[in-house]
Protein backbone atom coordinates (compact mmCIF):
# COMPACT_ATOMS: atom_id res chain seq x y z
CA MET A 1 0.00 0.00 0.00
CA TYR A 2 2.65 2.51 1.05
CA GLY A 3 4.99 1.59 -1.78
CA ASP A 4 2.98 0.20 -4.63
CA PRO A 5 4.98 -0.15 -7.85
CA ALA A 6 2.72 2.16 -9.89
CA THR A 7 3.12 5.05 -7.42
CA ILE A 8 6.86 4.48 -7.16
CA ARG A 9 7.19 4.55 -10.96
CA LYS A 10 4.99 7.65 -11.26
CA ILE A 11 6.99 9.61 -8.67
CA LEU A 12 10.34 8.60 -10.17
CA THR A 13 9.43 9.12 -13.84
CA GLU A 14 6.45 11.47 -14.26
CA LEU A 15 6.18 14.05 -11.49
CA GLY A 16 9.26 16.13 -12.15
CA ASP A 17 12.94 16.16 -11.40
CA THR A 18 13.36 18.60 -8.50
CA TRP A 19 13.67 16.73 -5.22
CA ALA A 20 13.89 18.54 -1.88
CA ILE A 21 15.71 16.20 0.48
CA VAL A 22 14.81 16.99 4.07
CA GLY A 23 17.61 16.02 6.43
CA LEU A 24 20.37 16.20 3.79
CA SER A 25 23.62 17.61 5.13
CA SER A 26 27.26 17.40 4.11
CA ASN A 27 27.78 14.44 6.47
CA GLU A 28 29.00 11.75 4.08
CA ARG A 29 28.23 8.99 6.59
CA ARG A 30 24.48 9.67 6.52
CA ALA A 31 22.21 7.73 4.16
CA ALA A 32 20.74 10.94 2.73
CA TYR A 33 24.14 11.91 1.33
CA GLY A 34 24.47 8.73 -0.74
CA VAL A 35 20.83 8.70 -1.83
CA ALA A 36 21.10 12.30 -3.04
CA TYR A 37 24.15 11.35 -5.09
CA VAL A 38 22.27 8.46 -6.73
CA LEU A 39 19.30 10.71 -7.52
CA GLN A 40 21.66 13.21 -9.17
CA ARG A 41 23.21 10.42 -11.27
CA TYR A 42 19.71 9.64 -12.54
CA GLY A 43 19.09 13.25 -13.56
CA LYS A 44 17.26 14.59 -10.53
CA ARG A 45 18.00 18.05 -9.16
CA ILE A 46 18.49 17.68 -5.42
CA VAL A 47 17.76 20.48 -2.98
CA PRO A 48 19.28 20.01 0.48
CA VAL A 49 16.90 20.98 3.31
CA HIS A 50 18.57 21.10 6.70
CA PRO A 51 18.76 23.68 9.51
CA LYS A 52 22.44 24.27 8.60
CA ALA A 53 21.46 25.03 4.96
CA GLU A 54 24.69 23.51 3.69
CA THR A 55 25.67 23.12 0.05
CA VAL A 56 25.71 19.40 -0.79
CA HIS A 57 26.77 17.79 -4.08
CA GLY A 58 27.07 21.30 -5.54
CA GLU A 59 23.49 22.29 -4.70
CA LYS A 60 22.65 25.18 -2.37
CA GLY A 61 20.86 24.16 0.79
CA TYR A 62 17.89 25.78 2.53
CA PRO A 63 16.87 25.70 6.19
CA SER A 64 13.25 24.68 5.46
CA LEU A 65 10.91 23.80 2.61
CA ASP A 66 9.24 27.19 2.70
CA ALA A 67 12.64 28.89 2.27
CA ILE A 68 13.16 27.31 -1.17
CA PRO A 69 12.52 30.09 -3.74
CA PHE A 70 11.35 27.75 -6.54
CA ASP A 71 8.95 24.85 -6.95
CA VAL A 72 9.87 21.37 -5.83
CA ASP A 73 8.26 18.26 -7.25
CA VAL A 74 9.05 15.66 -4.61
CA VAL A 75 9.89 15.99 -0.93
CA ASP A 76 12.14 13.12 0.18
CA VAL A 77 12.11 12.80 3.98
CA PHE A 78 15.14 11.62 5.98
CA VAL A 79 13.93 12.41 9.49
CA ASN A 80 12.59 10.19 12.26
CA SER A 81 9.00 9.02 11.94
CA ASP A 82 7.88 11.25 14.82
CA LEU A 83 9.11 14.33 12.92
CA ALA A 84 8.07 13.23 9.42
CA GLY A 85 4.34 14.08 9.60
CA PRO A 86 4.83 17.83 9.88
CA VAL A 87 7.27 17.69 6.95
CA ALA A 88 4.65 15.92 4.83
CA ASP A 89 2.10 18.58 5.81
CA GLU A 90 4.55 21.32 4.83
CA ALA A 91 5.18 19.58 1.49
CA ALA A 92 1.50 19.92 0.67
CA THR A 93 1.57 23.57 1.75
CA VAL A 94 4.50 24.44 -0.55
CA GLY A 95 2.88 22.76 -3.54
CA ALA A 96 4.93 19.59 -3.92
CA LYS A 97 3.44 16.83 -6.06
CA ALA A 98 4.66 13.91 -3.95
CA VAL A 99 6.21 12.93 -0.64
CA TRP A 100 8.65 10.08 -0.18
CA PHE A 101 9.41 8.72 3.31
CA GLN A 102 12.68 6.81 3.44
CA LEU A 103 13.24 3.29 4.75
CA GLY A 104 11.98 3.00 8.32
CA VAL A 105 10.03 6.28 8.18
CA ILE A 106 6.35 5.50 8.67
CA ASP A 107 3.46 7.74 9.72
CA GLU A 108 0.07 6.42 8.68
CA GLY A 109 -1.71 9.65 9.65
CA ALA A 110 0.67 11.66 7.49
CA TYR A 111 0.08 9.22 4.63
CA ASP A 112 -3.68 9.71 4.87
CA ARG A 113 -3.41 13.51 5.12
CA THR A 114 -0.95 13.73 2.22
CA ARG A 115 -3.09 11.56 -0.04
CA ALA A 116 -6.21 13.52 0.95
CA ALA A 117 -4.37 16.71 -0.08
CA GLY A 118 -3.90 15.21 -3.56
CA LEU A 119 -0.23 14.29 -3.37
CA ASP A 120 1.27 10.92 -4.24
CA MET A 121 3.15 9.29 -1.39
CA VAL A 122 5.51 6.41 -0.72
CA MET A 123 6.65 5.30 2.73
CA ASP A 124 9.37 2.97 3.97
CA ARG A 125 11.15 2.78 0.60
CA CYS A 126 14.36 4.21 -0.84
CA PRO A 127 14.43 5.91 -4.25
CA ALA A 128 18.11 4.98 -4.67
CA ILE A 129 17.05 1.32 -4.52
CA GLU A 130 13.91 1.76 -6.61
CA ILE A 131 15.16 3.95 -9.47
CA PRO A 132 17.67 1.44 -10.92
CA ARG A 133 14.88 -1.18 -10.96
CA LEU A 134 12.90 0.90 -13.46
CA GLY A 135 15.24 -0.12 -16.24
């Protein structure tokens, strides 16, 4: 349900190439760093979103989603499940088309709210694992 193949394919291939990655910092040991690199290799524009607003993989960072001065297509969430719901709500507010919760990030209430707001959503999956599977 939270990661059906059709929704995964739609988010990765149809909804646009600008991905705000919440929790992405310059810490190379964090999963977000490697996932962002893979997304870039597959042609996605990554936008780091982190309180430090660091530049990562050559892309300027922003402290929050609402600080990004251009549209984002997908909000990829690398925060703990207890913090992820408000990020999903903010994604809907800023006009994103989809929300992606990383492996281990699950919030069923956020899923329901996000879908009700008209956004596509995937939870507990990793785009860096899914995108090479598309062929």
